[in-house]
Amino acid sequence: MTSATGSPREAGAAPRRVTLTPAARRVLEAAGRLFYERGIHAVGVDLIAAEAGVTKKTLYDRFGSKEQIVVEYLAGRDERWRAFLAPRLEAARTPEEKVAAVFDASRDWTRVHSPRGCGMVNAHAEIDDPAHPASAIIDGQKQWMLTLFTDLVRPLAPEAAESAGRTLMLLHEGALVAHGMNVFPGAVDHARTEACRVVARAAAQGREG
């Protein structure tokens, strides 16, 4: 796969972004809704253009390819999630409160933005090529979440932070999948309860150490 300049694209490299004009924003809003509801592969540029009320020429003029629309869709979701989470983390005072705040934010986010589960996980199920430019966004968000959990636990238990961070990540991602599949009600709240226990155990280890 090559980049827009024709040079080979390295797996994991940050993808290029485009400047969003009003028409491009309409395309992206329509594409985002369709991608999440129907799946990326199931949605073609003809449908996106029709839903956005633009011509295919306008779509290609603004984005160049469907691949680039996918990049903007996922990057936009990631940016909105981080912006949604940030004030909640800032309002929490202790590491324990901050970890709980992540799960509270995820519960509220899923109710409005992710009734069918995590958009990144859903996209990953369709994009299995690490050279696809959207792969870097998907992987980047999940690595960011893992680092966040690890860093939140570190002040309580430096030696246990990596293990606890991974456990919190598993609880968080498992809850998102269970929510999206409607396995049982209150999946994120259940994960929050278990996450608080993980943090409490890590804190106890830290005090003993």
C-alpha atoms as a PDB file:
ATOM      1  CA  MET A   1       0.000   0.000   0.000  1.00  0.00           C
ATOM      2  CA  THR A   2       1.258   3.474  -0.760  1.00  0.00           C
ATOM      3  CA  SER A   3       0.543   6.861   0.717  1.00  0.00           C
ATOM      4  CA  ALA A   4      -0.937   9.790  -1.170  1.00  0.00           C
ATOM      5  CA  THR A   5       2.569  10.762  -2.246  1.00  0.00           C
ATOM      6  CA  GLY A   6       3.258   7.342  -3.692  1.00  0.00           C
ATOM      7  CA  SER A   7       5.795   6.311  -1.074  1.00  0.00           C
ATOM      8  CA  PRO A   8       5.363   3.030   0.848  1.00  0.00           C
ATOM      9  CA  ARG A   9       3.250   3.395   3.953  1.00  0.00           C
ATOM     10  CA  GLU A  10       4.818   1.954   7.087  1.00  0.00           C
ATOM     11  CA  ALA A  11       2.546  -0.076   9.320  1.00  0.00           C
ATOM     12  CA  GLY A  12       1.636   1.958  12.392  1.00  0.00           C
ATOM     13  CA  ALA A  13       2.662   5.275  10.867  1.00  0.00           C
ATOM     14  CA  ALA A  14       0.366   8.194  11.634  1.00  0.00           C
ATOM     15  CA  PRO A  15      -2.066   8.573   8.715  1.00  0.00           C
ATOM     16  CA  ARG A  16      -2.475  11.843   6.905  1.00  0.00           C
ATOM     17  CA  ARG A  17      -5.549  13.933   7.647  1.00  0.00           C
ATOM     18  CA  VAL A  18      -7.586  16.272   5.477  1.00  0.00           C
ATOM     19  CA  THR A  19      -9.014  19.719   6.116  1.00  0.00           C
ATOM     20  CA  LEU A  20     -12.763  19.427   6.533  1.00  0.00           C
ATOM     21  CA  THR A  21     -14.823  21.844   4.461  1.00  0.00           C
ATOM     22  CA  PRO A  22     -18.594  22.108   5.123  1.00  0.00           C
ATOM     23  CA  ALA A  23     -19.248  19.588   2.343  1.00  0.00           C
ATOM     24  CA  ALA A  24     -16.594  17.259   3.728  1.00  0.00           C
ATOM     25  CA  ARG A  25     -18.188  17.449   7.158  1.00  0.00           C
ATOM     26  CA  ARG A  26     -21.528  16.398   5.701  1.00  0.00           C
ATOM     27  CA  VAL A  27     -19.836  13.472   3.994  1.00  0.00           C
ATOM     28  CA  LEU A  28     -18.083  12.484   7.206  1.00  0.00           C
ATOM     29  CA  GLU A  29     -21.240  12.729   9.309  1.00  0.00           C
ATOM     30  CA  ALA A  30     -23.129  10.519   6.880  1.00  0.00           C
ATOM     31  CA  ALA A  31     -20.251   8.067   6.544  1.00  0.00           C
ATOM     32  CA  GLY A  32     -19.753   7.823  10.286  1.00  0.00           C
ATOM     33  CA  ARG A  33     -23.372   6.976  10.897  1.00  0.00           C
ATOM     34  CA  LEU A  34     -23.463   4.432   8.078  1.00  0.00           C
ATOM     35  CA  PHE A  35     -20.126   2.828   8.959  1.00  0.00           C
ATOM     36  CA  TYR A  36     -21.163   2.335  12.567  1.00  0.00           C
ATOM     37  CA  GLU A  37     -24.677   1.092  11.813  1.00  0.00           C
ATOM     38  CA  ARG A  38     -23.927  -1.144   8.808  1.00  0.00           C
ATOM     39  CA  GLY A  39     -20.207  -1.817   8.782  1.00  0.00           C
ATOM     40  CA  ILE A  40     -17.385  -0.255   6.799  1.00  0.00           C
ATOM     41  CA  HIS A  41     -17.268  -2.839   4.009  1.00  0.00           C
ATOM     42  CA  ALA A  42     -21.042  -2.780   3.536  1.00  0.00           C
ATOM     43  CA  VAL A  43     -21.141   0.951   2.809  1.00  0.00           C
ATOM     44  CA  GLY A  44     -20.032   2.293  -0.566  1.00  0.00           C
ATOM     45  CA  VAL A  45     -19.205   5.800  -1.699  1.00  0.00           C
ATOM     46  CA  ASP A  46     -22.423   6.037  -3.724  1.00  0.00           C
ATOM     47  CA  LEU A  47     -24.523   5.625  -0.596  1.00  0.00           C
ATOM     48  CA  ILE A  48     -22.335   8.003   1.407  1.00  0.00           C
ATOM     49  CA  ALA A  49     -22.600  10.690  -1.273  1.00  0.00           C
ATOM     50  CA  ALA A  50     -26.369  10.259  -1.532  1.00  0.00           C
ATOM     51  CA  GLU A  51     -26.855  10.441   2.243  1.00  0.00           C
ATOM     52  CA  ALA A  52     -24.631  13.517   2.458  1.00  0.00           C
ATOM     53  CA  GLY A  53     -26.357  15.255  -0.448  1.00  0.00           C
ATOM     54  CA  VAL A  54     -23.166  15.669  -2.485  1.00  0.00           C
ATOM     55  CA  THR A  55     -21.880  14.272  -5.749  1.00  0.00           C
ATOM     56  CA  LYS A  56     -19.294  11.510  -5.905  1.00  0.00           C
ATOM     57  CA  LYS A  57     -16.965  14.032  -7.502  1.00  0.00           C
ATOM     58  CA  THR A  58     -17.257  16.273  -4.448  1.00  0.00           C
ATOM     59  CA  LEU A  59     -16.631  13.302  -2.174  1.00  0.00           C
ATOM     60  CA  TYR A  60     -13.469  12.321  -4.023  1.00  0.00           C
ATOM     61  CA  ASP A  61     -12.340  15.938  -4.313  1.00  0.00           C
ATOM     62  CA  ARG A  62     -12.533  16.309  -0.536  1.00  0.00           C
ATOM     63  CA  PHE A  63     -11.188  12.916   0.574  1.00  0.00           C
ATOM     64  CA  GLY A  64      -9.549  11.238  -2.402  1.00  0.00           C
ATOM     65  CA  SER A  65     -10.739   7.773  -1.427  1.00  0.00           C
ATOM     66  CA  LYS A  66     -13.079   5.806   0.801  1.00  0.00           C
ATOM     67  CA  GLU A  67     -10.007   4.765   2.767  1.00  0.00           C
ATOM     68  CA  GLN A  68      -9.426   8.368   3.769  1.00  0.00           C
ATOM     69  CA  ILE A  69     -13.042   8.723   4.894  1.00  0.00           C
ATOM     70  CA  VAL A  70     -12.511   5.716   7.170  1.00  0.00           C
ATOM     71  CA  VAL A  71      -9.412   7.374   8.599  1.00  0.00           C
ATOM     72  CA  GLU A  72     -11.302  10.580   9.354  1.00  0.00           C
ATOM     73  CA  TYR A  73     -14.246   8.667  10.817  1.00  0.00           C
ATOM     74  CA  LEU A  74     -12.119   6.717  13.285  1.00  0.00           C
ATOM     75  CA  ALA A  75      -9.814   9.613  14.119  1.00  0.00           C
ATOM     76  CA  GLY A  76     -12.866  11.743  14.839  1.00  0.00           C
ATOM     77  CA  ARG A  77     -14.350   9.127  17.175  1.00  0.00           C
ATOM     78  CA  ASP A  78     -11.046   8.880  19.006  1.00  0.00           C
ATOM     79  CA  GLU A  79     -10.780  12.648  19.412  1.00  0.00           C
ATOM     80  CA  ARG A  80     -14.353  12.947  20.657  1.00  0.00           C
ATOM     81  CA  TRP A  81     -13.860  10.139  23.175  1.00  0.00           C
ATOM     82  CA  ARG A  82     -10.712  11.720  24.596  1.00  0.00           C
ATOM     83  CA  ALA A  83     -12.437  15.092  24.831  1.00  0.00           C
ATOM     84  CA  PHE A  84     -15.411  13.434  26.548  1.00  0.00           C
ATOM     85  CA  LEU A  85     -13.173  11.714  29.082  1.00  0.00           C
ATOM     86  CA  ALA A  86     -10.788  14.576  29.865  1.00  0.00           C
ATOM     87  CA  PRO A  87     -13.006  16.734  32.131  1.00  0.00           C
ATOM     88  CA  ARG A  88     -14.089  13.692  34.113  1.00  0.00           C
ATOM     89  CA  LEU A  89     -10.500  12.744  34.802  1.00  0.00           C
ATOM     90  CA  GLU A  90      -9.719  16.318  35.766  1.00  0.00           C
ATOM     91  CA  ALA A  91     -12.634  16.418  38.207  1.00  0.00           C
ATOM     92  CA  ALA A  92     -11.520  13.219  39.964  1.00  0.00           C
ATOM     93  CA  ARG A  93      -8.958  13.794  42.708  1.00  0.00           C
ATOM     94  CA  THR A  94      -7.469  10.431  43.598  1.00  0.00           C
ATOM     95  CA  PRO A  95      -6.199   7.554  41.399  1.00  0.00           C
ATOM     96  CA  GLU A  96      -9.104   5.437  42.626  1.00  0.00           C
ATOM     97  CA  GLU A  97     -11.603   8.110  41.612  1.00  0.00           C
ATOM     98  CA  LYS A  98      -9.923   8.569  38.241  1.00  0.00           C
ATOM     99  CA  VAL A  99     -10.133   4.871  37.381  1.00  0.00           C
ATOM    100  CA  ALA A 100     -13.796   4.829  38.368  1.00  0.00           C
ATOM    101  CA  ALA A 101     -14.298   7.963  36.258  1.00  0.00           C
ATOM    102  CA  VAL A 102     -13.037   6.167  33.155  1.00  0.00           C
ATOM    103  CA  PHE A 103     -15.675   3.472  33.551  1.00  0.00           C
ATOM    104  CA  ASP A 104     -18.363   6.020  34.348  1.00  0.00           C
ATOM    105  CA  ALA A 105     -17.442   7.923  31.199  1.00  0.00           C
ATOM    106  CA  SER A 106     -17.525   4.739  29.137  1.00  0.00           C
ATOM    107  CA  ARG A 107     -20.966   3.858  30.498  1.00  0.00           C
ATOM    108  CA  ASP A 108     -22.316   7.275  29.534  1.00  0.00           C
ATOM    109  CA  TRP A 109     -20.514   7.259  26.175  1.00  0.00           C
ATOM    110  CA  THR A 110     -21.858   3.854  25.167  1.00  0.00           C
ATOM    111  CA  ARG A 111     -25.429   4.866  25.905  1.00  0.00           C
ATOM    112  CA  VAL A 112     -25.269   7.693  23.373  1.00  0.00           C
ATOM    113  CA  HIS A 113     -22.441   6.943  20.956  1.00  0.00           C
ATOM    114  CA  SER A 114     -21.857   3.191  21.020  1.00  0.00           C
ATOM    115  CA  PRO A 115     -25.054   1.156  21.348  1.00  0.00           C
ATOM    116  CA  ARG A 116     -23.518  -1.462  19.045  1.00  0.00           C
ATOM    117  CA  GLY A 117     -20.236  -1.657  20.909  1.00  0.00           C
ATOM    118  CA  CYS A 118     -16.867   0.008  20.532  1.00  0.00           C
ATOM    119  CA  GLY A 119     -16.424   1.603  17.116  1.00  0.00           C
ATOM    120  CA  MET A 120     -12.704   0.796  17.167  1.00  0.00           C
ATOM    121  CA  VAL A 121     -13.276  -2.869  17.939  1.00  0.00           C
ATOM    122  CA  ASN A 122     -15.945  -3.088  15.254  1.00  0.00           C
ATOM    123  CA  ALA A 123     -13.638  -1.456  12.728  1.00  0.00           C
ATOM    124  CA  HIS A 124     -10.764  -3.750  13.667  1.00  0.00           C
ATOM    125  CA  ALA A 125     -12.955  -6.745  12.856  1.00  0.00           C
ATOM    126  CA  GLU A 126     -13.146  -5.444   9.272  1.00  0.00           C
ATOM    127  CA  ILE A 127      -9.660  -3.980   8.854  1.00  0.00           C
ATOM    128  CA  ASP A 128      -7.106  -6.743   9.308  1.00  0.00           C
ATOM    129  CA  ASP A 129      -4.339  -5.203   7.209  1.00  0.00           C
ATOM    130  CA  PRO A 130      -1.758  -3.484   9.475  1.00  0.00           C
ATOM    131  CA  ALA A 131      -0.751  -1.325   6.506  1.00  0.00           C
ATOM    132  CA  HIS A 132      -4.227   0.187   6.267  1.00  0.00           C
ATOM    133  CA  PRO A 133      -3.899   3.797   7.492  1.00  0.00           C
ATOM    134  CA  ALA A 134      -6.823   3.372   9.877  1.00  0.00           C
ATOM    135  CA  SER A 135      -5.022   0.556  11.708  1.00  0.00           C
ATOM    136  CA  ALA A 136      -2.709   3.071  13.360  1.00  0.00           C
ATOM    137  CA  ILE A 137      -5.708   4.933  14.757  1.00  0.00           C
ATOM    138  CA  ILE A 138      -7.337   1.785  16.129  1.00  0.00           C
ATOM    139  CA  ASP A 139      -4.122   0.482  17.676  1.00  0.00           C
ATOM    140  CA  GLY A 140      -3.195   3.932  18.927  1.00  0.00           C
ATOM    141  CA  GLN A 141      -6.417   4.392  20.835  1.00  0.00           C
ATOM    142  CA  LYS A 142      -6.176   1.028  22.550  1.00  0.00           C
ATOM    143  CA  GLN A 143      -2.533   1.582  23.461  1.00  0.00           C
ATOM    144  CA  TRP A 144      -3.492   5.002  24.809  1.00  0.00           C
ATOM    145  CA  MET A 145      -6.147   3.434  27.021  1.00  0.00           C
ATOM    146  CA  LEU A 146      -3.709   0.812  28.317  1.00  0.00           C
ATOM    147  CA  THR A 147      -1.153   3.511  29.118  1.00  0.00           C
ATOM    148  CA  LEU A 148      -3.834   5.587  30.811  1.00  0.00           C
ATOM    149  CA  PHE A 149      -4.892   2.768  33.132  1.00  0.00           C
ATOM    150  CA  THR A 150      -1.286   1.910  33.929  1.00  0.00           C
ATOM    151  CA  ASP A 151      -0.401   5.524  34.689  1.00  0.00           C
ATOM    152  CA  LEU A 152      -3.459   5.959  36.904  1.00  0.00           C
ATOM    153  CA  VAL A 153      -2.440   3.005  39.075  1.00  0.00           C
ATOM    154  CA  ARG A 154       1.275   3.842  39.188  1.00  0.00           C
ATOM    155  CA  PRO A 155       1.098   6.387  42.068  1.00  0.00           C
ATOM    156  CA  LEU A 156      -0.549   3.737  44.245  1.00  0.00           C
ATOM    157  CA  ALA A 157       1.639   0.764  43.371  1.00  0.00           C
ATOM    158  CA  PRO A 158       4.563   1.372  41.011  1.00  0.00           C
ATOM    159  CA  GLU A 159       5.594  -2.279  40.905  1.00  0.00           C
ATOM    160  CA  ALA A 160       2.060  -3.550  40.288  1.00  0.00           C
ATOM    161  CA  ALA A 161       1.051  -0.826  37.840  1.00  0.00           C
ATOM    162  CA  GLU A 162       1.749  -2.733  34.639  1.00  0.00           C
ATOM    163  CA  SER A 163      -0.158  -5.844  35.714  1.00  0.00           C
ATOM    164  CA  ALA A 164      -3.051  -3.852  37.171  1.00  0.00           C
ATOM    165  CA  GLY A 165      -3.207  -1.651  34.077  1.00  0.00           C
ATOM    166  CA  ARG A 166      -3.560  -4.705  31.866  1.00  0.00           C
ATOM    167  CA  THR A 167      -6.303  -6.111  34.081  1.00  0.00           C
ATOM    168  CA  LEU A 168      -8.185  -2.820  33.993  1.00  0.00           C
ATOM    169  CA  MET A 169      -7.828  -2.735  30.226  1.00  0.00           C
ATOM    170  CA  LEU A 170      -9.261  -6.243  29.933  1.00  0.00           C
ATOM    171  CA  LEU A 171     -12.190  -5.321  32.156  1.00  0.00           C
ATOM    172  CA  HIS A 172     -12.848  -2.165  30.164  1.00  0.00           C
ATOM    173  CA  GLU A 173     -12.658  -3.747  26.718  1.00  0.00           C
ATOM    174  CA  GLY A 174     -14.599  -6.822  27.786  1.00  0.00           C
ATOM    175  CA  ALA A 175     -17.342  -4.597  29.130  1.00  0.00           C
ATOM    176  CA  LEU A 176     -17.574  -2.728  25.823  1.00  0.00           C
ATOM    177  CA  VAL A 177     -17.917  -6.001  23.912  1.00  0.00           C
ATOM    178  CA  ALA A 178     -20.510  -7.371  26.351  1.00  0.00           C
ATOM    179  CA  HIS A 179     -22.453  -4.119  26.079  1.00  0.00           C
ATOM    180  CA  GLY A 180     -22.368  -4.142  22.280  1.00  0.00           C
ATOM    181  CA  MET A 181     -23.532  -7.759  22.130  1.00  0.00           C
ATOM    182  CA  ASN A 182     -26.127  -7.201  24.870  1.00  0.00           C
ATOM    183  CA  VAL A 183     -24.775 -10.211  26.753  1.00  0.00           C
ATOM    184  CA  PHE A 184     -26.170  -8.934  30.048  1.00  0.00           C
ATOM    185  CA  PRO A 185     -27.363  -5.562  31.340  1.00  0.00           C
ATOM    186  CA  GLY A 186     -25.042  -3.198  33.136  1.00  0.00           C
ATOM    187  CA  ALA A 187     -21.829  -4.649  31.755  1.00  0.00           C
ATOM    188  CA  VAL A 188     -19.818  -1.446  32.175  1.00  0.00           C
ATOM    189  CA  ASP A 189     -21.085  -0.892  35.714  1.00  0.00           C
ATOM    190  CA  HIS A 190     -20.150  -4.468  36.593  1.00  0.00           C
ATOM    191  CA  ALA A 191     -16.676  -3.926  35.162  1.00  0.00           C
ATOM    192  CA  ARG A 192     -16.392  -0.708  37.178  1.00  0.00           C
ATOM    193  CA  THR A 193     -17.048  -2.594  40.396  1.00  0.00           C
ATOM    194  CA  GLU A 194     -14.368  -5.147  39.567  1.00  0.00           C
ATOM    195  CA  ALA A 195     -11.971  -2.400  38.468  1.00  0.00           C
ATOM    196  CA  CYS A 196     -12.294  -0.688  41.840  1.00  0.00           C
ATOM    197  CA  ARG A 197     -11.354  -3.984  43.495  1.00  0.00           C
ATOM    198  CA  VAL A 198      -8.294  -4.280  41.260  1.00  0.00           C
ATOM    199  CA  VAL A 199      -7.207  -0.779  42.234  1.00  0.00           C
ATOM    200  CA  ALA A 200      -7.796  -1.492  45.926  1.00  0.00           C
ATOM    201  CA  ARG A 201      -5.639  -4.633  45.744  1.00  0.00           C
ATOM    202  CA  ALA A 202      -2.905  -2.737  43.911  1.00  0.00           C
ATOM    203  CA  ALA A 203      -3.011   0.029  46.516  1.00  0.00           C
ATOM    204  CA  ALA A 204      -2.707  -2.549  49.298  1.00  0.00           C
ATOM    205  CA  GLN A 205       0.312  -4.086  47.567  1.00  0.00           C
ATOM    206  CA  GLY A 206       1.826  -0.651  47.271  1.00  0.00           C
ATOM    207  CA  ARG A 207       1.432   0.016  50.984  1.00  0.00           C
ATOM    208  CA  GLU A 208       2.919  -3.352  51.879  1.00  0.00           C
ATOM    209  CA  GLY A 209       5.853  -2.788  49.538  1.00  0.00           C
END
